[in-house]
Protein backbone atom coordinates (compact mmCIF):
# COMPACT_ATOMS: atom_id res chain seq x y z
CA UNK A 1 120.96 18.01 94.45
CA UNK A 2 120.73 19.40 97.68
CA UNK A 3 120.24 17.15 100.85
CA UNK A 4 118.30 18.82 103.87
CA UNK A 5 117.47 16.96 107.33
CA UNK A 6 114.62 18.45 109.23
CA UNK A 7 115.20 17.15 112.87
CA UNK A 8 111.77 17.92 114.48
CA UNK A 9 110.34 17.09 117.87
CA UNK A 10 108.85 13.57 116.86
CA UNK A 11 110.65 12.76 113.91
CA UNK A 12 113.31 13.46 111.15
CA UNK A 13 112.37 14.34 107.97
CA UNK A 14 115.17 14.44 104.97
CA UNK A 15 114.69 15.42 101.60
CA UNK A 16 116.54 15.80 98.24
CA UNK A 17 116.16 19.16 96.37
CA UNK A 18 117.09 19.72 92.78
CA UNK A 19 118.43 23.03 91.02
CA UNK A 20 114.70 24.06 90.29
CA UNK A 21 113.99 23.99 93.94
CA UNK A 22 111.49 20.93 93.34
CA UNK A 23 111.61 18.39 96.21
CA UNK A 24 112.28 15.09 94.49
CA UNK A 25 112.81 12.62 97.36
CA UNK A 26 111.32 12.45 100.92
CA UNK A 27 112.21 9.93 104.06
CA UNK A 28 110.87 10.32 107.46
CA UNK A 29 111.66 8.39 110.78
CA UNK A 30 109.73 9.01 113.83
CA UNK A 31 111.78 8.58 117.22
CA UNK A 32 110.26 7.86 120.74
CA UNK A 33 109.31 10.57 123.32
CA UNK A 34 110.52 9.98 126.97
CA UNK A 35 108.49 11.43 129.91
CA UNK A 36 110.74 10.43 133.23
CA UNK A 37 108.20 12.44 135.29
CA UNK A 38 104.96 14.61 134.70
CA UNK A 39 106.13 17.75 133.14
CA UNK A 40 109.63 16.51 131.87
CA UNK A 41 110.25 15.65 128.41
CA UNK A 42 113.22 14.01 126.99
CA UNK A 43 114.95 12.89 123.51
CA UNK A 44 117.53 9.90 123.51
CA UNK A 45 120.33 11.52 121.30
CA UNK A 46 121.21 7.96 119.80
CA UNK A 47 117.68 7.73 119.00
CA UNK A 48 117.71 11.14 117.19
CA UNK A 49 120.80 9.99 115.15
CA UNK A 50 119.20 6.87 114.43
CA UNK A 51 116.17 8.61 112.95
CA UNK A 52 118.32 10.87 110.69
CA UNK A 53 120.48 7.91 109.28
CA UNK A 54 117.12 6.17 108.54
CA UNK A 55 115.73 9.44 106.75
CA UNK A 56 118.69 10.17 104.72
CA UNK A 57 118.98 6.35 103.58
CA UNK A 58 115.51 6.39 102.37
CA UNK A 59 116.32 9.48 99.95
CA UNK A 60 119.53 7.98 99.05
CA UNK A 61 117.81 4.71 98.09
CA UNK A 62 115.46 6.62 96.03
CA UNK A 63 117.63 9.15 93.90
CA UNK A 64 121.08 8.06 94.86
CA UNK A 65 123.78 10.35 96.56
CA UNK A 66 124.90 12.97 94.29
CA UNK A 67 124.64 15.92 96.62
CA UNK A 68 126.14 19.29 96.46
CA UNK A 69 125.42 20.18 99.94
CA UNK A 70 123.57 19.58 102.93
CA UNK A 71 121.40 21.84 104.96
CA UNK A 72 120.06 21.32 108.55
CA UNK A 73 117.14 22.54 110.44
CA UNK A 74 115.95 21.20 113.57
CA UNK A 75 113.77 21.62 116.86
CA UNK A 76 114.84 24.49 118.74
CA UNK A 77 115.62 25.03 122.34
CA UNK A 78 116.28 21.40 123.26
CA UNK A 79 119.69 21.05 124.73
CA UNK A 80 121.95 17.77 124.91
CA UNK A 81 125.37 16.78 126.09
CA UNK A 82 128.13 14.48 124.33
CA UNK A 83 131.63 13.55 124.70
CA UNK A 84 133.91 15.44 122.57
CA UNK A 85 135.67 12.60 121.58
CA UNK A 86 133.57 9.65 121.44
CA UNK A 87 130.13 11.82 120.62
CA UNK A 88 128.44 9.41 123.37
CA UNK A 89 125.82 11.35 125.25
CA UNK A 90 125.83 10.58 129.27
CA UNK A 91 121.94 11.53 129.38
CA UNK A 92 118.90 12.11 127.49
CA UNK A 93 118.75 15.59 125.84
CA UNK A 94 116.12 18.04 127.71
CA UNK A 95 113.37 18.88 125.04
CA UNK A 96 111.98 22.27 124.64
CA UNK A 97 108.55 21.45 126.05
CA UNK A 98 110.41 20.42 129.43
CA UNK A 99 108.75 22.48 132.30
CA UNK A 100 111.27 21.21 135.14
CA UNK A 101 113.36 24.33 135.51
CA UNK A 102 110.76 26.70 136.58
CA UNK A 103 112.51 26.53 140.37
CA UNK A 104 115.73 27.20 138.54
CA UNK A 105 114.54 30.46 137.27
CA UNK A 106 112.87 31.62 140.41
CA UNK A 107 116.22 31.01 142.27
CA UNK A 108 117.93 33.36 139.96
CA UNK A 109 115.49 36.39 140.72
CA UNK A 110 117.74 38.10 143.17
CA UNK A 111 120.93 38.11 140.68
CA UNK A 112 121.50 41.40 139.22
CA UNK A 113 121.73 40.43 135.70
CA UNK A 114 118.25 38.41 135.91
CA UNK A 115 116.32 41.82 134.88
CA UNK A 116 118.56 42.17 131.90
CA UNK A 117 118.14 38.70 130.21
CA UNK A 118 115.23 40.03 127.88
CA UNK A 119 117.14 43.04 126.91
CA UNK A 120 120.01 40.97 125.94
CA UNK A 121 118.54 38.04 124.28
CA UNK A 122 115.09 39.22 123.17
CA UNK A 123 113.74 36.36 125.25
CA UNK A 124 111.31 36.29 127.99
CA UNK A 125 112.66 34.16 130.99
CA UNK A 126 111.07 30.88 130.70
CA UNK A 127 111.39 26.96 131.15
CA UNK A 128 111.20 26.75 127.23
CA UNK A 129 114.88 28.08 126.86
CA UNK A 130 117.97 26.34 126.80
CA UNK A 131 120.21 27.78 129.49
CA UNK A 132 118.12 26.91 132.53
CA UNK A 133 118.17 23.48 131.63
CA UNK A 134 122.05 23.25 131.60
CA UNK A 135 121.73 24.94 135.23
CA UNK A 136 119.23 22.25 135.97
CA UNK A 137 121.68 19.51 134.84
CA UNK A 138 124.63 21.16 136.83
CA UNK A 139 122.75 21.03 140.12
CA UNK A 140 121.27 17.88 140.01
CA UNK A 141 123.73 15.84 138.05
CA UNK A 142 127.12 16.76 139.49
CA UNK A 143 128.56 13.91 138.07
CA UNK A 144 127.88 14.53 134.57
CA UNK A 145 128.64 18.13 134.98
CA UNK A 146 131.98 17.64 136.30
CA UNK A 147 133.13 16.44 132.86
CA UNK A 148 131.45 19.58 131.35
CA UNK A 149 133.74 21.69 133.47
CA UNK A 150 136.78 19.40 132.60
CA UNK A 151 136.08 20.10 129.10
CA UNK A 152 135.34 16.58 128.28
CA UNK A 153 131.89 16.80 127.48
CA UNK A 154 130.31 19.55 125.22
CA UNK A 155 126.78 20.89 125.07
CA UNK A 156 124.72 22.07 122.48
CA UNK A 157 121.14 22.22 120.53
CA UNK A 158 119.99 19.53 118.03
CA UNK A 159 121.61 21.23 115.19
CA UNK A 160 124.98 20.98 116.94
CA UNK A 161 124.53 17.32 117.64
CA UNK A 162 123.62 16.28 114.23
CA UNK A 163 126.58 18.18 112.75
CA UNK A 164 128.84 16.52 115.26
CA UNK A 165 127.81 13.03 114.45
CA UNK A 166 127.72 13.71 110.52
CA UNK A 167 131.41 15.23 110.51
CA UNK A 168 132.77 13.21 113.63
CA UNK A 169 133.28 15.97 116.12
CA UNK A 170 132.80 19.53 114.62
CA UNK A 171 131.33 21.76 117.45
CA UNK A 172 129.28 24.54 115.72
CA UNK A 173 125.84 26.21 115.67
CA UNK A 174 124.37 29.06 113.56
CA UNK A 175 123.40 32.62 114.98
CA UNK A 176 119.59 31.32 114.73
CA UNK A 177 119.84 28.53 116.91
CA UNK A 178 122.32 30.42 119.36
CA UNK A 179 119.69 32.97 120.01
CA UNK A 180 117.37 30.34 121.27
CA UNK A 181 119.49 29.30 124.16
CA UNK A 182 119.37 32.46 126.31
CA UNK A 183 122.89 32.41 126.41
CA UNK A 184 123.53 34.58 123.39
CA UNK A 185 123.58 38.60 123.03
CA UNK A 186 121.51 39.19 119.92
CA UNK A 187 122.92 42.73 119.77
CA UNK A 188 126.63 41.70 119.82
CA UNK A 189 126.15 38.43 117.86
CA UNK A 190 128.24 36.60 120.57
CA UNK A 191 127.91 34.30 123.73
CA UNK A 192 127.09 36.81 126.74
CA UNK A 193 129.90 36.62 129.68
CA UNK A 194 127.11 38.14 132.11
CA UNK A 195 124.51 35.21 130.90
CA UNK A 196 126.99 32.50 131.01
CA UNK A 197 127.82 33.90 134.80
CA UNK A 198 124.26 34.07 135.59
CA UNK A 199 123.62 30.68 134.60
CA UNK A 200 126.88 29.40 135.59
CA UNK A 201 127.92 27.51 132.42
CA UNK A 202 131.48 27.44 130.74
CA UNK A 203 131.87 28.85 127.43
CA UNK A 204 134.11 26.25 126.65
CA UNK A 205 131.36 23.58 126.36
CA UNK A 206 129.22 25.63 123.78
CA UNK A 207 129.76 25.34 120.10
CA UNK A 208 131.19 27.96 117.83
CA UNK A 209 128.61 30.30 116.22
CA UNK A 210 128.84 30.42 112.32
CA UNK A 211 126.77 32.09 109.73
CA UNK A 212 123.51 30.49 108.55
CA UNK A 213 124.97 29.88 105.02
CA UNK A 214 128.48 29.01 103.45
CA UNK A 215 130.64 25.81 103.95
CA UNK A 216 131.22 25.63 107.66
CA UNK A 217 131.94 21.82 107.89
CA UNK A 218 131.95 19.01 105.63
CA UNK A 219 130.49 15.44 106.13
CA UNK A 220 133.19 12.55 107.36
CA UNK A 221 132.57 9.79 104.95
CA UNK A 222 133.06 7.18 107.63
CA UNK A 223 130.23 8.68 109.79
CA UNK A 224 127.67 9.74 106.67
CA UNK A 225 127.00 7.29 104.24
CA UNK A 226 130.70 7.41 102.56
CA UNK A 227 130.15 11.32 101.64
CA UNK A 228 132.11 14.17 101.94
CA UNK A 229 129.72 17.01 101.20
CA UNK A 230 129.73 20.58 102.51
CA UNK A 231 127.27 21.78 105.18
CA UNK A 232 126.26 25.17 104.02
CA UNK A 233 122.64 25.98 105.50
CA UNK A 234 121.84 25.81 109.23
CA UNK A 235 118.73 27.41 111.14
CA UNK A 236 116.17 26.62 113.64
CA UNK A 237 113.06 25.14 112.32
CA UNK A 238 110.60 28.40 112.46
CA UNK A 239 113.32 30.58 111.06
CA UNK A 240 114.25 28.10 108.40
CA UNK A 241 110.50 28.21 107.53
CA UNK A 242 110.48 31.81 106.88
CA UNK A 243 113.34 31.71 104.82
CA UNK A 244 111.50 28.79 102.72
CA UNK A 245 108.74 30.97 102.40
CA UNK A 246 111.16 33.63 100.82
CA UNK A 247 110.22 36.37 103.15
CA UNK A 248 113.65 38.41 103.02
CA UNK A 249 112.33 41.70 103.18
CA UNK A 250 111.26 43.81 106.11
CA UNK A 251 107.81 43.28 106.92
CA UNK A 252 107.55 39.70 105.34
CA UNK A 253 105.97 37.19 107.38
CA UNK A 254 104.81 33.67 107.58
CA UNK A 255 102.65 31.56 109.98
CA UNK A 256 102.71 27.74 110.05
CA UNK A 257 99.41 26.20 111.13
CA UNK A 258 100.68 23.17 112.74
CA UNK A 259 99.68 21.77 116.16
CA UNK A 260 99.97 25.25 117.55
CA UNK A 261 100.73 28.13 115.28
CA UNK A 262 104.24 29.88 114.94
CA UNK A 263 104.29 33.13 113.35
CA UNK A 264 107.41 35.25 112.43
CA UNK A 265 107.71 38.36 111.02
CA UNK A 266 111.19 39.85 109.23
CA UNK A 267 112.22 43.02 111.23
CA UNK A 268 115.50 43.75 109.52
CA UNK A 269 118.77 44.35 110.71
CA UNK A 270 117.86 46.17 114.14
CA UNK A 271 116.51 43.87 117.11
CA UNK A 272 113.61 45.57 118.34
CA UNK A 273 113.29 43.81 121.79
CA UNK A 274 109.62 43.60 122.77
CA UNK A 275 107.80 43.30 126.35
CA UNK A 276 104.52 42.44 124.94
CA UNK A 277 104.36 38.98 124.94
CA UNK A 278 106.55 38.30 121.76
CA UNK A 279 109.92 37.19 121.22
CA UNK A 280 112.88 39.00 119.21
CA UNK A 281 115.15 36.37 117.60
CA UNK A 282 117.88 35.81 114.95
CA UNK A 283 116.10 34.94 111.58
CA UNK A 284 119.57 34.13 109.97
CA UNK A 285 122.88 35.52 109.54
CA UNK A 286 124.43 35.80 106.05
CA UNK A 287 127.71 36.85 105.35
CA UNK A 288 128.23 38.13 109.26
CA UNK A 289 125.07 40.42 108.83
CA UNK A 290 122.12 39.28 111.03
CA UNK A 291 118.62 39.48 110.19
CA UNK A 292 116.06 39.65 113.03
CA UNK A 293 112.55 38.47 113.28
CA UNK A 294 109.71 39.18 115.67
CA UNK A 295 107.99 35.99 116.78
CA UNK A 296 104.69 34.60 118.67
CA UNK A 297 103.48 31.42 119.24
CA UNK A 298 99.99 29.97 119.56
CA UNK A 299 99.75 26.77 121.62
CA UNK A 300 96.55 25.18 120.09
CA UNK A 301 95.72 25.48 116.51
CA UNK A 302 95.65 22.29 114.49
CA UNK A 303 95.28 20.59 117.80
CA UNK A 304 91.90 22.15 118.23
CA UNK A 305 90.73 20.53 115.14
CA UNK A 306 91.98 17.33 116.39
CA UNK A 307 90.07 17.77 119.60
CA UNK A 308 86.94 18.26 117.71
CA UNK A 309 87.45 14.80 115.84
CA UNK A 310 89.08 12.64 118.55
CA UNK A 311 87.15 13.82 121.83
CA UNK A 312 83.94 15.29 120.51
CA UNK A 313 83.88 13.27 117.58
CA UNK A 314 82.23 16.02 115.54
CA UNK A 315 83.71 14.58 112.44
CA UNK A 316 85.97 11.51 111.41
CA UNK A 317 88.82 13.09 109.46
CA UNK A 318 90.49 16.59 110.23
CA UNK A 319 89.86 17.66 106.67
CA UNK A 320 86.00 17.56 107.14
CA UNK A 321 86.03 20.58 109.31
CA UNK A 322 86.12 22.86 106.14
CA UNK A 323 82.99 21.36 104.39
CA UNK A 324 81.13 21.19 107.70
CA UNK A 325 82.23 24.98 108.94
CA UNK A 326 81.19 26.19 105.36
CA UNK A 327 77.68 24.84 105.71
CA UNK A 328 76.68 27.92 107.89
CA UNK A 329 77.20 31.40 107.00
CA UNK A 330 78.74 32.27 110.33
CA UNK A 331 79.22 30.83 114.03
CA UNK A 332 75.67 32.25 115.21
CA UNK A 333 77.30 33.94 118.12
CA UNK A 334 79.54 30.93 119.05
CA UNK A 335 82.96 31.75 120.22
CA UNK A 336 85.72 29.25 120.93
CA UNK A 337 88.83 29.87 123.00
CA UNK A 338 91.06 27.23 122.35
CA UNK A 339 93.17 27.39 125.64
CA UNK A 340 93.39 23.54 125.93
CA UNK A 341 97.08 23.65 127.24
CA UNK A 342 96.82 27.49 128.20
CA UNK A 343 97.17 30.70 126.50
CA UNK A 344 100.45 31.64 124.34
CA UNK A 345 101.39 34.70 122.93
CA UNK A 346 100.55 37.81 123.49
CA UNK A 347 98.52 36.52 126.78
CA UNK A 348 101.09 33.92 128.47
CA UNK A 349 98.27 32.51 130.78
CA UNK A 350 99.60 28.96 131.33
CA UNK A 351 96.72 28.37 133.63
CA UNK A 352 93.65 29.17 131.35
CA UNK A 353 91.47 26.93 130.05
CA UNK A 354 89.36 26.37 126.88
CA UNK A 355 86.01 27.83 126.82
CA UNK A 356 82.81 27.83 124.42
CA UNK A 357 80.50 30.66 124.64
CA UNK A 358 77.65 32.11 123.24
CA UNK A 359 75.68 28.53 122.99
CA UNK A 360 72.02 28.24 122.74
CA UNK A 361 69.64 25.64 121.61
CA UNK A 362 70.17 26.35 118.27
CA UNK A 363 73.82 25.79 118.31
CA UNK A 364 75.09 22.80 116.21
CA UNK A 365 78.11 21.17 115.36
CA UNK A 366 78.53 23.26 112.12
CA UNK A 367 78.61 26.56 114.35
CA UNK A 368 81.33 24.84 116.64
CA UNK A 369 83.41 23.94 113.79
CA UNK A 370 83.35 27.26 112.21
CA UNK A 371 84.05 28.85 115.50
CA UNK A 372 86.93 26.67 115.76
CA UNK A 373 88.46 28.05 112.61
CA UNK A 374 87.57 31.43 113.58
CA UNK A 375 89.65 30.90 116.65
CA UNK A 376 92.67 29.95 114.77
CA UNK A 377 92.29 32.96 112.56
CA UNK A 378 91.56 35.38 115.75
CA UNK A 379 94.83 33.96 117.71
CA UNK A 380 96.97 34.93 114.46
CA UNK A 381 95.45 38.37 114.47
CA UNK A 382 96.12 39.10 118.37
CA UNK A 383 99.89 38.20 117.38
CA UNK A 384 99.88 40.73 114.37
CA UNK A 385 98.12 43.33 116.68
CA UNK A 386 100.82 42.95 119.32
CA UNK A 387 103.57 42.92 116.47
CA UNK A 388 102.36 46.21 115.48
CA UNK A 389 104.47 47.84 118.03
CA UNK A 390 107.67 47.58 116.22
CA UNK A 391 106.12 49.71 113.64
CA UNK A 392 106.92 47.41 110.77
CA UNK A 393 103.52 47.22 108.59
CA UNK A 394 102.35 43.63 107.70
CA UNK A 395 101.54 43.84 103.83
CA UNK A 396 100.63 40.16 103.32
CA UNK A 397 101.39 36.84 104.88
CA UNK A 398 102.76 33.89 103.49
CA UNK A 399 101.20 30.17 105.06
CA UNK A 400 102.23 26.73 105.35
CA UNK A 401 101.58 23.61 107.76
CA UNK A 402 98.74 21.04 107.44
CA UNK A 403 95.98 23.33 108.22
CA UNK A 404 96.93 25.94 105.67
CA UNK A 405 95.25 23.48 103.14
CA UNK A 406 91.79 24.66 104.46
CA UNK A 407 90.83 27.22 102.08
CA UNK A 408 88.06 28.54 104.46
CA UNK A 409 90.41 29.03 107.28
CA UNK A 410 92.59 31.22 104.98
CA UNK A 411 89.76 33.36 103.63
CA UNK A 412 88.41 34.00 107.77
CA UNK A 413 92.35 34.81 108.14
CA UNK A 414 92.35 37.52 105.27
CA UNK A 415 89.30 39.10 106.60
CA UNK A 416 90.92 39.25 109.80
CA UNK A 417 94.12 40.69 108.99
CA UNK A 418 92.93 42.52 105.76
CA UNK A 419 96.05 41.52 103.98
CA UNK A 420 96.67 38.94 101.23
CA UNK A 421 97.15 35.50 102.44
CA UNK A 422 99.39 33.48 100.05
CA UNK A 423 99.69 29.84 100.15
CA UNK A 424 102.69 28.64 97.99
CA UNK A 425 102.90 25.40 95.81
CA UNK A 426 105.21 23.87 98.35
CA UNK A 427 103.96 24.07 102.13
CA UNK A 428 106.95 22.08 103.40
CA UNK A 429 108.73 25.33 104.00
CA UNK A 430 110.85 24.16 107.16
CA UNK A 431 112.98 21.37 105.15
CA UNK A 432 112.81 23.65 102.05
CA UNK A 433 114.32 26.50 103.81
CA UNK A 434 117.55 24.71 104.92
CA UNK A 435 117.67 23.55 101.50
CA UNK A 436 117.64 27.15 99.95
CA UNK A 437 120.02 28.17 102.79
CA UNK A 438 122.73 25.09 101.49
CA UNK A 439 121.97 25.78 97.90
CA UNK A 440 122.62 29.54 98.54
CA UNK A 441 125.64 28.76 100.46
CA UNK A 442 127.28 26.62 97.71
CA UNK A 443 126.11 29.11 94.87
CA UNK A 444 123.63 26.90 93.27
CA UNK A 445 121.62 29.85 93.66
CA UNK A 446 123.42 33.12 93.22
CA UNK A 447 121.18 35.59 95.42
CA UNK A 448 117.85 35.80 97.30
CA UNK A 449 116.12 36.90 94.06
CA UNK A 450 116.69 33.90 92.51
CA UNK A 451 115.39 31.90 95.33
CA UNK A 452 111.99 33.92 95.30
CA UNK A 453 111.20 32.30 91.77
CA UNK A 454 111.60 28.90 93.25
CA UNK A 455 108.19 28.18 95.11
CA UNK A 456 105.49 30.55 93.45
CA UNK A 457 102.12 31.24 94.80
CA UNK A 458 99.45 28.55 94.24
CA UNK A 459 96.42 30.70 95.60
CA UNK A 460 96.07 33.84 97.59
CA UNK A 461 92.99 35.19 99.46
CA UNK A 462 91.98 38.80 100.19
CA UNK A 463 89.36 40.43 102.68
CA UNK A 464 85.72 40.19 101.40
CA UNK A 465 84.10 40.82 104.68
CA UNK A 466 84.20 42.94 107.76
CA UNK A 467 85.21 41.01 110.53
CA UNK A 468 85.43 43.61 113.24
CA UNK A 469 82.70 42.44 115.11
CA UNK A 470 83.84 38.68 115.33
CA UNK A 471 86.89 40.01 116.57
CA UNK A 472 85.43 42.47 119.28
CA UNK A 473 83.26 39.25 120.64
CA UNK A 474 86.55 37.23 120.59
CA UNK A 475 88.58 39.72 122.65
CA UNK A 476 85.72 39.69 125.31
CA UNK A 477 85.33 35.79 125.44
CA UNK A 478 89.43 35.68 126.01
CA UNK A 479 89.17 37.94 129.07
CA UNK A 480 85.90 35.76 130.41
CA UNK A 481 88.31 32.85 129.95
CA UNK A 482 91.14 34.29 131.67
CA UNK A 483 89.00 35.48 134.44
CA UNK A 484 87.26 32.11 135.08
CA UNK A 485 90.93 30.64 135.53
CA UNK A 486 91.99 32.99 138.08
CA UNK A 487 91.64 31.50 141.57
């Protein structure tokens, strides 16, 4: 079997995958979120490691420990520090959701490299990414930072930390995770001296960047359940999901409908840096060759359904939305812009707030439910409209995540995009992607073509109705929502 660890934002999942690509065991352990101040989000690295140990032990208790390889995937951009020798952390990790570094970025605006950051990294300057978080620690916690400068303390994303604990000290990351730090030049495939100088971070504290597949380290039996197995697959969670969806060809794309919606499209071996609200990122690096992806994030997807359930109490369980929305033929002109935590790509309006437009005396909860599903599909279409600037055509879309089990949503999505929507048998693509990478890395599967056979399509949806009128109304509603938020 292959063992895969998915170290997420709120918990850790571990799975065992057999040679047929089937998940034969699963473990899960949640860990606490820490909010020291409004807008700050932190994780205790020891609590993450404890959750890793718990989830892996659950798998071992179910199916034993005959593993040929370990794959690791992780929440991205979250950055931690730990002692190079003891692996103890001097402070909590700063999480990708944390917004404390807004002022740090503003203070860098006069630096000559500031304007080059997006061209070098594919990423807009935003508190989301790791570099500014390290700069914040350097400025605000000089006692901790002095050990970084002295070479005693190292820094890394969560994949690096899990690997360090499992191996008792290896300090590595893969290219997909490195590309989310804002310190990595996606064109040269290396840490950027210009960016290190901009953020004033010593290169010695950063991990060695390795391929996403192949034996890059081995677990230490004393640290990892008595096992010495190769770590042979590493990728950030959304890139792992694209790999798990076997979108290896240029133009292949996936959408994960979770709390938000994460859309990645494979754009091949040339990094087309975009300035239209989308991110260019490393998808994976196989045998030294980088594949890139275009990425867009929707802040509120499944969270809009939860809002209808918990705050408006329109239904009791999230899956009831499908039947309710299907009870009406359309939304009767109602448009819901679910900017409940601002608008993400391609608008990037963090101050926008949600709106319900087009209400009449005849508006029912069924119309609002249908408008909510339409909003999810409209937001995904917005991202693909922006992605079209790369010149790479979308031929089909693979979907995963909890809301992908909603057939009505997928039909609406097919109508909006005008391409085939495919839901595979296994929609746990993130952990599966880590397992596929690891299995490929140790030769369990010989090539990418073999992987394509492992997770077949369960059901697909093709365009059935003209959707331009609804999308036009959506675009007007978004502009009205943005205008309302402008003071």
